[in-house]
Amino acid sequence: MSKKLTSGDGWKIIPADPIPETREIISKPPEKQKAKISVEKRNKGKIVTLISNLVLSEIDMTSLLKSIKTSCGTGGTINNGVIEIQGDNKEKVRTWLVSNNWGIR
């Protein structure tokens, strides 16, 4: 949104901050990716399974998250391009990824 300031002969329009340019990520096929699976202990003893090192668009990442959450029977989210699944589900995630032709690091 622009701001208007008065000075002298009338209104002066100050342009708003430009919208940062965003680049759309093009997803790689599952066979050409090497997902990294790890388990992390958070505050208050919460355990989270992390799936990182994926090159996916936002839509594909959301779709993958939904499929993994369904197969593990638990919740999860995407945080800074990393899929976080609640609980220690490392083996379930590994099994699902391998059965769906995803590469594992």
C-alpha atoms as a PDB file:
ATOM      1  CA  MET A   1       0.000   0.000   0.000  1.00  0.00           C
ATOM      2  CA  SER A   2       1.290   3.469  -0.841  1.00  0.00           C
ATOM      3  CA  LYS A   3       1.626   6.273   1.670  1.00  0.00           C
ATOM      4  CA  LYS A   4       0.704   9.857   0.936  1.00  0.00           C
ATOM      5  CA  LEU A   5       2.676  12.711   2.393  1.00  0.00           C
ATOM      6  CA  THR A   6       2.054  16.405   2.026  1.00  0.00           C
ATOM      7  CA  SER A   7       4.873  18.754   1.191  1.00  0.00           C
ATOM      8  CA  GLY A   8       4.678  21.920  -0.756  1.00  0.00           C
ATOM      9  CA  ASP A   9       2.422  21.945  -3.802  1.00  0.00           C
ATOM     10  CA  GLY A  10       0.382  18.794  -3.167  1.00  0.00           C
ATOM     11  CA  TRP A  11       0.447  15.123  -2.491  1.00  0.00           C
ATOM     12  CA  LYS A  12       3.566  13.068  -2.899  1.00  0.00           C
ATOM     13  CA  ILE A  13       3.097   9.317  -3.346  1.00  0.00           C
ATOM     14  CA  ILE A  14       5.690   7.022  -1.822  1.00  0.00           C
ATOM     15  CA  PRO A  15       5.608   3.541  -3.409  1.00  0.00           C
ATOM     16  CA  ALA A  16       5.112   0.537  -1.129  1.00  0.00           C
ATOM     17  CA  ASP A  17       7.865  -2.023  -0.627  1.00  0.00           C
ATOM     18  CA  PRO A  18       8.195  -4.208  -3.714  1.00  0.00           C
ATOM     19  CA  ILE A  19       6.898  -7.761  -3.445  1.00  0.00           C
ATOM     20  CA  PRO A  20       9.860 -10.119  -3.168  1.00  0.00           C
ATOM     21  CA  GLU A  21      10.347 -12.267  -6.225  1.00  0.00           C
ATOM     22  CA  THR A  22       9.576 -15.921  -5.554  1.00  0.00           C
ATOM     23  CA  ARG A  23      10.852 -18.761  -7.666  1.00  0.00           C
ATOM     24  CA  GLU A  24       8.692 -21.803  -8.246  1.00  0.00           C
ATOM     25  CA  ILE A  25      10.526 -25.014  -7.428  1.00  0.00           C
ATOM     26  CA  ILE A  26      10.221 -27.729 -10.046  1.00  0.00           C
ATOM     27  CA  SER A  27       9.879 -31.157  -8.487  1.00  0.00           C
ATOM     28  CA  LYS A  28      12.356 -33.902  -9.287  1.00  0.00           C
ATOM     29  CA  PRO A  29      10.957 -37.396  -9.836  1.00  0.00           C
ATOM     30  CA  PRO A  30      11.051 -39.651  -6.744  1.00  0.00           C
ATOM     31  CA  GLU A  31      13.608 -42.024  -8.299  1.00  0.00           C
ATOM     32  CA  LYS A  32      16.141 -39.205  -8.661  1.00  0.00           C
ATOM     33  CA  GLN A  33      15.875 -37.976  -5.061  1.00  0.00           C
ATOM     34  CA  LYS A  34      17.737 -39.041  -1.933  1.00  0.00           C
ATOM     35  CA  ALA A  35      15.559 -38.351   1.105  1.00  0.00           C
ATOM     36  CA  LYS A  36      17.285 -38.077   4.476  1.00  0.00           C
ATOM     37  CA  ILE A  37      15.304 -39.505   7.402  1.00  0.00           C
ATOM     38  CA  SER A  38      16.212 -38.621  10.988  1.00  0.00           C
ATOM     39  CA  VAL A  39      14.639 -38.554  14.435  1.00  0.00           C
ATOM     40  CA  GLU A  40      14.886 -35.521  16.721  1.00  0.00           C
ATOM     41  CA  LYS A  41      13.930 -35.071  20.352  1.00  0.00           C
ATOM     42  CA  ARG A  42      12.250 -31.742  21.033  1.00  0.00           C
ATOM     43  CA  ASN A  43      11.416 -29.793  24.176  1.00  0.00           C
ATOM     44  CA  LYS A  44       9.321 -31.596  26.775  1.00  0.00           C
ATOM     45  CA  GLY A  45      10.445 -34.975  25.418  1.00  0.00           C
ATOM     46  CA  LYS A  46       8.535 -34.821  22.132  1.00  0.00           C
ATOM     47  CA  ILE A  47      10.012 -36.991  19.360  1.00  0.00           C
ATOM     48  CA  VAL A  48       9.706 -35.993  15.693  1.00  0.00           C
ATOM     49  CA  THR A  49      10.714 -37.862  12.522  1.00  0.00           C
ATOM     50  CA  LEU A  50      12.250 -35.510   9.944  1.00  0.00           C
ATOM     51  CA  ILE A  51      12.350 -36.053   6.180  1.00  0.00           C
ATOM     52  CA  SER A  52      14.714 -33.609   4.481  1.00  0.00           C
ATOM     53  CA  ASN A  53      16.796 -33.153   1.334  1.00  0.00           C
ATOM     54  CA  LEU A  54      13.754 -33.166  -0.975  1.00  0.00           C
ATOM     55  CA  VAL A  55      13.373 -31.014  -4.093  1.00  0.00           C
ATOM     56  CA  LEU A  56       9.591 -30.657  -4.380  1.00  0.00           C
ATOM     57  CA  SER A  57       7.135 -27.927  -5.214  1.00  0.00           C
ATOM     58  CA  GLU A  58       4.826 -26.789  -2.440  1.00  0.00           C
ATOM     59  CA  ILE A  59       1.892 -28.775  -3.848  1.00  0.00           C
ATOM     60  CA  ASP A  60       3.939 -31.974  -4.212  1.00  0.00           C
ATOM     61  CA  MET A  61       5.395 -31.561  -0.715  1.00  0.00           C
ATOM     62  CA  THR A  62       1.884 -31.210   0.745  1.00  0.00           C
ATOM     63  CA  SER A  63       0.699 -34.281  -1.158  1.00  0.00           C
ATOM     64  CA  LEU A  64       3.677 -36.330   0.068  1.00  0.00           C
ATOM     65  CA  LEU A  65       3.067 -35.179   3.650  1.00  0.00           C
ATOM     66  CA  LYS A  66      -0.568 -36.257   3.476  1.00  0.00           C
ATOM     67  CA  SER A  67       0.343 -39.715   2.148  1.00  0.00           C
ATOM     68  CA  ILE A  68       3.003 -40.294   4.805  1.00  0.00           C
ATOM     69  CA  LYS A  69       0.734 -39.071   7.617  1.00  0.00           C
ATOM     70  CA  THR A  70      -1.970 -41.489   6.456  1.00  0.00           C
ATOM     71  CA  SER A  71       0.424 -44.442   6.292  1.00  0.00           C
ATOM     72  CA  CYS A  72       1.890 -43.693   9.743  1.00  0.00           C
ATOM     73  CA  GLY A  73      -1.470 -42.852  11.316  1.00  0.00           C
ATOM     74  CA  THR A  74      -0.137 -39.692  12.908  1.00  0.00           C
ATOM     75  CA  GLY A  75       0.093 -35.937  12.424  1.00  0.00           C
ATOM     76  CA  GLY A  76       2.756 -33.894  10.747  1.00  0.00           C
ATOM     77  CA  THR A  77       3.681 -30.587   9.165  1.00  0.00           C
ATOM     78  CA  ILE A  78       6.083 -28.904   6.762  1.00  0.00           C
ATOM     79  CA  ASN A  79       8.601 -26.523   8.305  1.00  0.00           C
ATOM     80  CA  ASN A  80      11.190 -24.751   6.109  1.00  0.00           C
ATOM     81  CA  GLY A  81      11.076 -27.441   3.413  1.00  0.00           C
ATOM     82  CA  VAL A  82      11.401 -30.293   5.920  1.00  0.00           C
ATOM     83  CA  ILE A  83       8.572 -32.734   6.549  1.00  0.00           C
ATOM     84  CA  GLU A  84       8.020 -33.351  10.273  1.00  0.00           C
ATOM     85  CA  ILE A  85       6.047 -36.433  11.355  1.00  0.00           C
ATOM     86  CA  GLN A  86       4.990 -36.777  14.997  1.00  0.00           C
ATOM     87  CA  GLY A  87       6.611 -39.620  16.907  1.00  0.00           C
ATOM     88  CA  ASP A  88       9.430 -42.055  16.168  1.00  0.00           C
ATOM     89  CA  ASN A  89       8.212 -43.370  12.800  1.00  0.00           C
ATOM     90  CA  LYS A  90      11.577 -43.731  11.085  1.00  0.00           C
ATOM     91  CA  GLU A  91      11.011 -47.335   9.960  1.00  0.00           C
ATOM     92  CA  LYS A  92       7.421 -46.718   8.798  1.00  0.00           C
ATOM     93  CA  VAL A  93       8.534 -43.688   6.783  1.00  0.00           C
ATOM     94  CA  ARG A  94      11.521 -45.579   5.313  1.00  0.00           C
ATOM     95  CA  THR A  95       9.271 -48.511   4.322  1.00  0.00           C
ATOM     96  CA  TRP A  96       6.708 -46.198   2.715  1.00  0.00           C
ATOM     97  CA  LEU A  97       9.310 -44.210   0.781  1.00  0.00           C
ATOM     98  CA  VAL A  98      11.079 -47.349  -0.528  1.00  0.00           C
ATOM     99  CA  SER A  99       7.778 -48.991  -1.556  1.00  0.00           C
ATOM    100  CA  ASN A 100       6.864 -45.830  -3.499  1.00  0.00           C
ATOM    101  CA  ASN A 101      10.214 -45.657  -5.381  1.00  0.00           C
ATOM    102  CA  TRP A 102      11.779 -42.814  -3.386  1.00  0.00           C
ATOM    103  CA  GLY A 103      15.541 -42.837  -2.949  1.00  0.00           C
ATOM    104  CA  ILE A 104      16.880 -42.966   0.614  1.00  0.00           C
ATOM    105  CA  ARG A 105      20.182 -41.518   1.747  1.00  0.00           C
END
